[in-house]
Amino acid sequence: QLVESGGGLVQAGGSLRLSCAASGASGRTFSNYAMGWFRQAPKKEREFVAAITRSGGSTYYADSVKGRFTISRDNAKNTVYLQMNSLKPEDTAVYYCAAEFSYGLGLKVQDYHYWGQGTQVTVSS
């Protein structure tokens, strides 16, 4: 089970930190899972935002958020984070975290089997 938190309403240029807490993986620990963040704006497809490997040693970002967002994880706390700075109105969306039992980085929706319920981020201009 993946549960996101930390969304909300923020002015353009502001910051938010999203968290995603994982639980319930029978026989497998959180550190066995690659993690990703995706977002979906109204009437748009769900799109990739950021991903991180099992150990946290490698990350990857969509061009639209590179330099502004940072993905990280704390395997001791079974949690992945998305620090979002310099937010823009076009960042407004429901943000989802996703997990996959994988050694690599998943950049597509199809790369992930497990999803959270999403958290709303709204950036006002």
Protein backbone atom coordinates (compact mmCIF):
# COMPACT_ATOMS: atom_id res chain seq x y z
CA GLN A 1 0.00 0.00 0.00
CA LEU A 2 1.25 3.46 -0.92
CA VAL A 3 -0.10 6.57 0.78
CA GLU A 4 0.84 10.05 -0.45
CA SER A 5 0.68 13.19 1.64
CA GLY A 6 1.90 16.76 1.55
CA GLY A 7 -0.14 18.19 -1.27
CA GLY A 8 -1.96 21.48 -1.04
CA LEU A 9 -2.39 24.98 -2.41
CA VAL A 10 0.71 27.12 -2.92
CA GLN A 11 1.54 30.32 -4.77
CA ALA A 12 3.77 30.29 -7.81
CA GLY A 13 7.41 30.26 -6.77
CA GLY A 14 6.63 28.40 -3.57
CA SER A 15 7.61 24.93 -2.39
CA LEU A 16 5.96 21.73 -1.27
CA ARG A 17 7.33 18.39 -0.10
CA LEU A 18 5.35 15.29 -0.96
CA SER A 19 5.78 12.07 0.96
CA CYS A 20 4.79 8.53 0.04
CA ALA A 21 4.73 5.92 2.80
CA ALA A 22 4.82 2.27 1.80
CA SER A 23 3.52 -0.70 3.74
CA GLY A 24 2.29 -4.25 3.36
CA ALA A 25 4.76 -5.75 0.86
CA SER A 26 4.63 -9.38 1.95
CA GLY A 27 8.07 -10.97 1.91
CA ARG A 28 9.70 -7.97 0.27
CA THR A 29 11.17 -4.90 1.83
CA PHE A 30 10.77 -1.33 0.64
CA SER A 31 14.40 -1.27 -0.45
CA ASN A 32 13.59 -3.90 -3.10
CA TYR A 33 11.38 -1.46 -4.97
CA ALA A 34 12.19 1.23 -7.47
CA MET A 35 9.95 4.24 -6.87
CA GLY A 36 8.50 6.90 -9.10
CA TRP A 37 6.37 10.02 -9.02
CA PHE A 38 3.83 10.79 -11.70
CA ARG A 39 1.22 13.50 -12.12
CA GLN A 40 -2.06 13.93 -13.91
CA ALA A 41 -3.68 17.24 -14.73
CA PRO A 42 -7.36 17.48 -15.67
CA LYS A 43 -8.08 16.08 -19.14
CA LYS A 44 -4.45 15.03 -19.59
CA GLU A 45 -2.60 11.75 -19.56
CA ARG A 46 -0.68 10.69 -16.47
CA GLU A 47 2.93 11.75 -16.97
CA PHE A 48 6.28 10.85 -15.51
CA VAL A 49 7.87 13.28 -13.04
CA ALA A 50 10.78 11.55 -11.31
CA ALA A 51 12.16 8.13 -10.42
CA ILE A 52 14.70 6.67 -8.03
CA THR A 53 16.41 3.30 -7.84
CA ARG A 54 16.20 0.86 -4.94
CA SER A 55 19.24 2.22 -3.17
CA GLY A 56 18.63 5.83 -4.07
CA GLY A 57 21.88 5.89 -5.98
CA SER A 58 20.33 6.93 -9.28
CA THR A 59 17.54 9.35 -10.11
CA TYR A 60 15.90 10.61 -13.25
CA TYR A 61 13.64 13.59 -13.93
CA ALA A 62 11.29 14.82 -16.58
CA ASP A 63 12.72 17.82 -18.40
CA SER A 64 9.84 19.97 -17.17
CA VAL A 65 10.87 19.58 -13.51
CA LYS A 66 14.63 19.13 -13.78
CA GLY A 67 16.46 21.56 -11.50
CA ARG A 68 13.30 22.33 -9.51
CA PHE A 69 12.19 18.96 -8.10
CA THR A 70 14.23 16.43 -6.11
CA ILE A 71 13.26 12.83 -5.45
CA SER A 72 14.76 11.03 -2.47
CA ARG A 73 14.02 8.04 -0.28
CA ASP A 74 14.56 6.84 3.26
CA ASN A 75 14.53 3.06 3.22
CA ALA A 76 14.59 2.90 7.00
CA LYS A 77 11.28 4.80 7.04
CA ASN A 78 9.78 3.08 3.96
CA THR A 79 9.19 6.51 2.48
CA VAL A 80 9.94 8.31 -0.77
CA TYR A 81 9.84 12.10 -1.06
CA LEU A 82 9.41 14.68 -3.77
CA GLN A 83 10.73 18.12 -2.90
CA MET A 84 9.17 20.64 -5.26
CA ASN A 85 10.65 24.14 -5.48
CA SER A 86 9.95 27.12 -7.73
CA LEU A 87 6.49 25.78 -8.42
CA LYS A 88 4.61 26.97 -11.48
CA PRO A 89 0.88 26.97 -12.26
CA GLU A 90 1.53 24.27 -14.87
CA ASP A 91 2.68 21.96 -12.05
CA THR A 92 -0.93 21.80 -10.87
CA ALA A 93 -2.03 18.16 -10.91
CA VAL A 94 -2.78 15.12 -8.81
CA TYR A 95 0.57 13.58 -7.90
CA TYR A 96 0.91 9.82 -7.57
CA CYS A 97 3.71 7.69 -6.24
CA ALA A 98 4.36 4.28 -7.74
CA ALA A 99 6.43 1.23 -6.88
CA GLU A 100 7.90 -1.64 -8.82
CA PHE A 101 10.01 -4.60 -7.77
CA SER A 102 12.92 -3.68 -10.00
CA TYR A 103 16.63 -2.99 -10.11
CA GLY A 104 16.27 -0.19 -12.62
CA LEU A 105 14.44 3.08 -13.15
CA GLY A 106 10.90 3.12 -14.49
CA LEU A 107 9.99 6.07 -16.65
CA LYS A 108 6.58 4.96 -17.91
CA VAL A 109 3.23 4.29 -16.26
CA GLN A 110 3.45 0.71 -17.56
CA ASP A 111 6.68 0.14 -15.63
CA TYR A 112 4.86 0.20 -12.28
CA HIS A 113 2.41 -2.22 -10.71
CA TYR A 114 1.68 -0.46 -7.45
CA TRP A 115 0.12 2.99 -7.10
CA GLY A 116 -1.01 5.34 -4.40
CA GLN A 117 -4.33 7.18 -4.39
CA GLY A 118 -2.78 10.54 -5.25
CA THR A 119 -2.48 13.93 -3.60
CA GLN A 120 -3.63 17.22 -5.11
CA VAL A 121 -1.12 19.98 -5.77
CA THR A 122 -2.50 23.34 -6.85
CA VAL A 123 -0.23 26.24 -7.77
CA SER A 124 -1.86 29.64 -8.05
CA SER A 125 -0.48 32.42 -10.23
